[in-house]
Amino acid sequence: MIGFRLDEEYEVLRKRVEDFARTAVAPAIGDLYKRDEFPYTLVAEMGRMGLFGLPFEREYGGGGRDFLALCVALEELARVDTSVAITLSAGVSLGAMPIHRFGTPEQKERWMPGLCSGEALSAFGLTEPGGGTDIAALTTTAVRDGDAWVINGAKSFITNSGTDITRLVTVTAATGCARTAGRRPRPSSCPRARPASRSRRSTPRRAGTRRTPAA
């Protein structure tokens, strides 16, 4: 008979995050919404708890766990507030993970410690003003120029953007052209180009002639 109980190590994590969500997130999140403020204090505590580093190696400050551990944490956070859970989910899966899996050793050394500790946050730019989240309709392009990529296009509703701790943005852009290999969506992680808005409200962000190192 299949058992659905969590192993002890996951249950300990679940109870810890459950307690944090109920005692720290629940009392504070409503007022943060009213003031239209990003939950910096909560995110900092999540970083100290090791949540942002759960699936990454300890050499980068991670927890050496797996994605099940991350899912357990996300589920408990989402029981109380989905936006806090999404901040963690996007920061880890859509922000830090591309660096972890496809970045150079130098990029990992530069970015992973801060992303694992929660001191730095990575954003994710998929949605576009004209095509929404239809990845096949992307108009943002990335053209290789020597050892860099030149990115041109417009993005809106960029998850985890607009905070004082946002350091990277994973941008989806089309590479190639119809005459050759076809337009292929490709994610690219770029350092934040300019100071972000303090508001949590999502507004269109434009990227023009953005150069990012080629992988």
Protein backbone atom coordinates (compact mmCIF):
# COMPACT_ATOMS: atom_id res chain seq x y z
CA MET A 1 0.00 0.00 0.00
CA ILE A 2 1.36 3.40 -1.01
CA GLY A 3 1.98 5.77 1.85
CA PHE A 4 1.52 9.50 1.40
CA ARG A 5 3.10 10.71 4.61
CA LEU A 6 6.18 12.86 4.31
CA ASP A 7 9.50 11.52 5.48
CA GLU A 8 10.67 13.02 8.76
CA GLU A 9 13.07 15.54 7.19
CA TYR A 10 10.30 16.94 4.98
CA GLU A 11 7.79 16.96 7.83
CA VAL A 12 10.19 18.97 9.99
CA LEU A 13 10.53 21.49 7.16
CA ARG A 14 6.78 21.58 6.60
CA LYS A 15 6.03 22.32 10.25
CA ARG A 16 8.70 25.01 10.36
CA VAL A 17 7.33 26.81 7.30
CA GLU A 18 3.74 26.33 8.48
CA ASP A 19 4.59 28.03 11.77
CA PHE A 20 6.32 30.89 9.94
CA ALA A 21 3.38 31.36 7.59
CA ARG A 22 0.82 31.47 10.39
CA THR A 23 2.76 33.53 12.91
CA ALA A 24 4.70 35.91 10.64
CA VAL A 25 3.04 36.08 7.22
CA ALA A 26 -0.62 35.97 8.19
CA PRO A 27 -0.55 38.88 10.69
CA ALA A 28 1.46 41.17 8.42
CA ILE A 29 0.46 40.55 4.82
CA GLY A 30 -2.91 42.34 4.86
CA ASP A 31 -1.41 45.61 6.03
CA LEU A 32 1.39 45.30 3.45
CA TYR A 33 -1.23 44.97 0.71
CA LYS A 34 -3.03 48.08 1.97
CA ARG A 35 0.23 50.06 1.96
CA ASP A 36 1.23 48.58 -1.40
CA GLU A 37 4.59 47.50 0.02
CA PHE A 38 6.86 44.59 -0.79
CA PRO A 39 7.33 42.21 2.19
CA TYR A 40 11.05 42.82 2.71
CA THR A 41 11.05 41.65 6.32
CA LEU A 42 9.27 38.40 5.44
CA VAL A 43 11.56 37.73 2.49
CA ALA A 44 14.62 38.37 4.66
CA GLU A 45 13.36 35.86 7.23
CA MET A 46 12.67 33.33 4.46
CA GLY A 47 16.27 33.81 3.40
CA ARG A 48 17.53 33.20 6.95
CA MET A 49 15.40 30.05 7.05
CA GLY A 50 17.23 28.82 3.96
CA LEU A 51 14.13 28.64 1.76
CA PHE A 52 15.67 30.42 -1.24
CA GLY A 53 18.58 27.99 -1.26
CA LEU A 54 16.69 24.75 -0.67
CA PRO A 55 17.47 22.91 -3.97
CA PHE A 56 21.00 24.23 -4.45
CA GLU A 57 24.41 22.94 -3.41
CA ARG A 58 25.87 23.96 -0.08
CA GLU A 59 28.96 25.38 -1.79
CA TYR A 60 26.80 28.30 -2.94
CA GLY A 61 25.06 28.68 0.40
CA GLY A 62 22.20 26.38 -0.55
CA GLY A 63 20.51 23.75 1.54
CA GLY A 64 21.50 20.72 -0.52
CA ARG A 65 17.87 19.57 -0.66
CA ASP A 66 15.59 18.85 -3.63
CA PHE A 67 12.53 20.23 -5.40
CA LEU A 68 10.18 18.24 -3.19
CA ALA A 69 11.50 20.22 -0.22
CA LEU A 70 10.86 23.45 -2.15
CA CYS A 71 7.32 22.30 -3.03
CA VAL A 72 6.60 21.48 0.61
CA ALA A 73 7.67 25.00 1.60
CA LEU A 74 5.67 26.61 -1.20
CA GLU A 75 2.52 24.73 -0.29
CA GLU A 76 2.64 25.87 3.32
CA LEU A 77 3.29 29.49 2.34
CA ALA A 78 0.49 29.43 -0.25
CA ARG A 79 -2.01 28.22 2.35
CA VAL A 80 -1.66 31.68 3.90
CA ASP A 81 -0.64 33.95 1.02
CA THR A 82 0.04 33.02 -2.60
CA SER A 83 2.00 36.18 -3.43
CA VAL A 84 4.66 35.37 -0.82
CA ALA A 85 4.80 31.82 -2.20
CA ILE A 86 5.18 33.13 -5.75
CA THR A 87 8.02 35.42 -4.66
CA LEU A 88 9.89 32.33 -3.46
CA SER A 89 8.86 30.12 -6.38
CA ALA A 90 9.87 32.59 -9.09
CA GLY A 91 13.04 33.62 -7.31
CA VAL A 92 14.22 30.02 -7.09
CA SER A 93 12.77 28.22 -10.13
CA LEU A 94 12.70 31.00 -12.72
CA GLY A 95 15.54 33.16 -11.44
CA ALA A 96 18.29 31.27 -9.64
CA MET A 97 17.78 27.91 -11.38
CA PRO A 98 18.76 29.11 -14.89
CA ILE A 99 22.01 30.48 -13.42
CA HIS A 100 22.56 27.25 -11.52
CA ARG A 101 21.95 24.99 -14.52
CA PHE A 102 23.31 27.00 -17.41
CA GLY A 103 25.55 29.71 -15.96
CA THR A 104 29.30 29.81 -16.17
CA PRO A 105 31.36 29.09 -13.04
CA GLU A 106 32.04 32.82 -12.78
CA GLN A 107 28.33 33.67 -13.00
CA LYS A 108 27.48 31.08 -10.34
CA GLU A 109 30.12 32.42 -7.98
CA ARG A 110 28.89 35.96 -8.55
CA TRP A 111 25.14 35.45 -8.23
CA MET A 112 24.27 32.19 -6.47
CA PRO A 113 25.32 33.07 -2.88
CA GLY A 114 23.11 36.17 -2.79
CA LEU A 115 20.19 34.41 -4.48
CA CYS A 116 20.43 31.46 -2.08
CA SER A 117 20.53 33.71 0.98
CA GLY A 118 17.57 35.82 -0.14
CA GLU A 119 19.70 38.96 0.00
CA ALA A 120 19.28 39.21 -3.78
CA LEU A 121 16.15 38.44 -5.78
CA SER A 122 15.76 37.40 -9.40
CA ALA A 123 12.80 38.42 -11.55
CA PHE A 124 11.15 36.71 -14.52
CA GLY A 125 10.12 38.58 -17.67
CA LEU A 126 7.84 36.57 -19.96
CA THR A 127 4.64 38.61 -20.40
CA GLU A 128 4.53 41.20 -23.18
CA PRO A 129 2.05 44.08 -23.61
CA GLY A 130 0.75 42.80 -26.94
CA GLY A 131 0.84 39.03 -26.54
CA GLY A 132 0.47 38.28 -22.85
CA THR A 133 2.11 35.00 -21.84
CA ASP A 134 1.82 33.39 -25.29
CA ILE A 135 5.45 32.39 -25.65
CA ALA A 136 4.97 31.53 -29.33
CA ALA A 137 3.99 35.16 -29.99
CA LEU A 138 7.09 36.73 -28.45
CA THR A 139 8.25 39.93 -30.10
CA THR A 140 11.27 40.49 -27.84
CA THR A 141 14.39 39.39 -29.68
CA ALA A 142 17.90 38.37 -28.69
CA VAL A 143 20.65 38.64 -31.30
CA ARG A 144 24.14 37.37 -30.66
CA ASP A 145 26.86 39.98 -30.99
CA GLY A 146 30.27 38.48 -30.35
CA ASP A 147 30.37 37.25 -26.77
CA ALA A 148 27.11 38.98 -25.83
CA TRP A 149 23.41 39.02 -26.66
CA VAL A 150 21.62 42.20 -27.67
CA ILE A 151 18.05 42.12 -26.35
CA ASN A 152 15.32 44.37 -27.74
CA GLY A 153 11.65 44.37 -26.76
CA ALA A 154 9.05 45.20 -24.14
CA LYS A 155 7.93 43.26 -21.07
CA SER A 156 5.18 43.83 -18.51
CA PHE A 157 4.06 42.22 -15.22
CA ILE A 158 7.61 41.08 -14.45
CA THR A 159 7.42 38.83 -11.40
CA ASN A 160 9.76 39.97 -8.59
CA SER A 161 10.70 43.20 -10.35
CA GLY A 162 10.42 46.61 -8.73
CA THR A 163 12.14 45.72 -5.45
CA ASP A 164 15.26 47.13 -3.84
CA ILE A 165 16.83 43.65 -3.78
CA THR A 166 16.10 42.61 -7.39
CA ARG A 167 19.47 41.96 -9.01
CA LEU A 168 18.69 39.80 -12.06
CA VAL A 169 15.90 39.38 -14.59
CA THR A 170 15.43 36.16 -16.56
CA VAL A 171 14.08 37.39 -19.90
CA THR A 172 12.43 35.21 -22.56
CA ALA A 173 13.29 36.32 -26.08
CA ALA A 174 13.20 34.89 -29.60
CA THR A 175 16.50 33.93 -31.23
CA GLY A 176 17.14 33.02 -34.86
CA CYS A 177 14.85 34.02 -37.71
CA ALA A 178 12.23 32.48 -39.98
CA ARG A 179 14.70 32.25 -42.85
CA THR A 180 17.14 30.09 -40.89
CA ALA A 181 16.52 27.97 -37.84
CA GLY A 182 13.25 29.57 -36.86
CA ARG A 183 12.37 31.82 -33.95
CA ARG A 184 13.11 29.94 -30.76
CA PRO A 185 12.18 31.24 -27.32
CA ARG A 186 15.29 31.38 -25.15
CA PRO A 187 15.63 32.56 -21.54
CA SER A 188 18.50 34.88 -20.72
CA SER A 189 19.49 36.10 -17.26
CA CYS A 190 20.45 39.79 -17.22
CA PRO A 191 21.67 42.00 -14.39
CA ARG A 192 19.08 44.63 -13.53
CA ALA A 193 19.82 47.56 -15.80
CA ARG A 194 18.48 50.43 -13.72
CA PRO A 195 16.90 51.23 -10.35
CA ALA A 196 13.51 49.59 -9.97
CA SER A 197 10.30 51.19 -8.76
CA ARG A 198 9.49 50.80 -5.09
CA SER A 199 5.87 50.01 -5.88
CA ARG A 200 4.61 46.44 -6.01
CA ARG A 201 2.33 47.37 -8.90
CA SER A 202 3.45 45.83 -12.17
CA THR A 203 4.08 48.30 -14.96
CA PRO A 204 5.50 47.81 -18.45
CA ARG A 205 9.29 47.69 -18.54
CA ARG A 206 11.23 48.22 -21.75
CA ALA A 207 14.59 46.78 -22.66
CA GLY A 208 16.58 48.24 -25.51
CA THR A 209 20.02 47.22 -26.80
CA ARG A 210 20.62 45.22 -23.65
CA ARG A 211 23.91 43.29 -23.80
CA THR A 212 24.22 40.12 -21.75
CA PRO A 213 27.13 37.63 -21.88
CA ALA A 214 26.52 34.73 -24.25
CA ALA A 215 26.35 31.29 -22.70
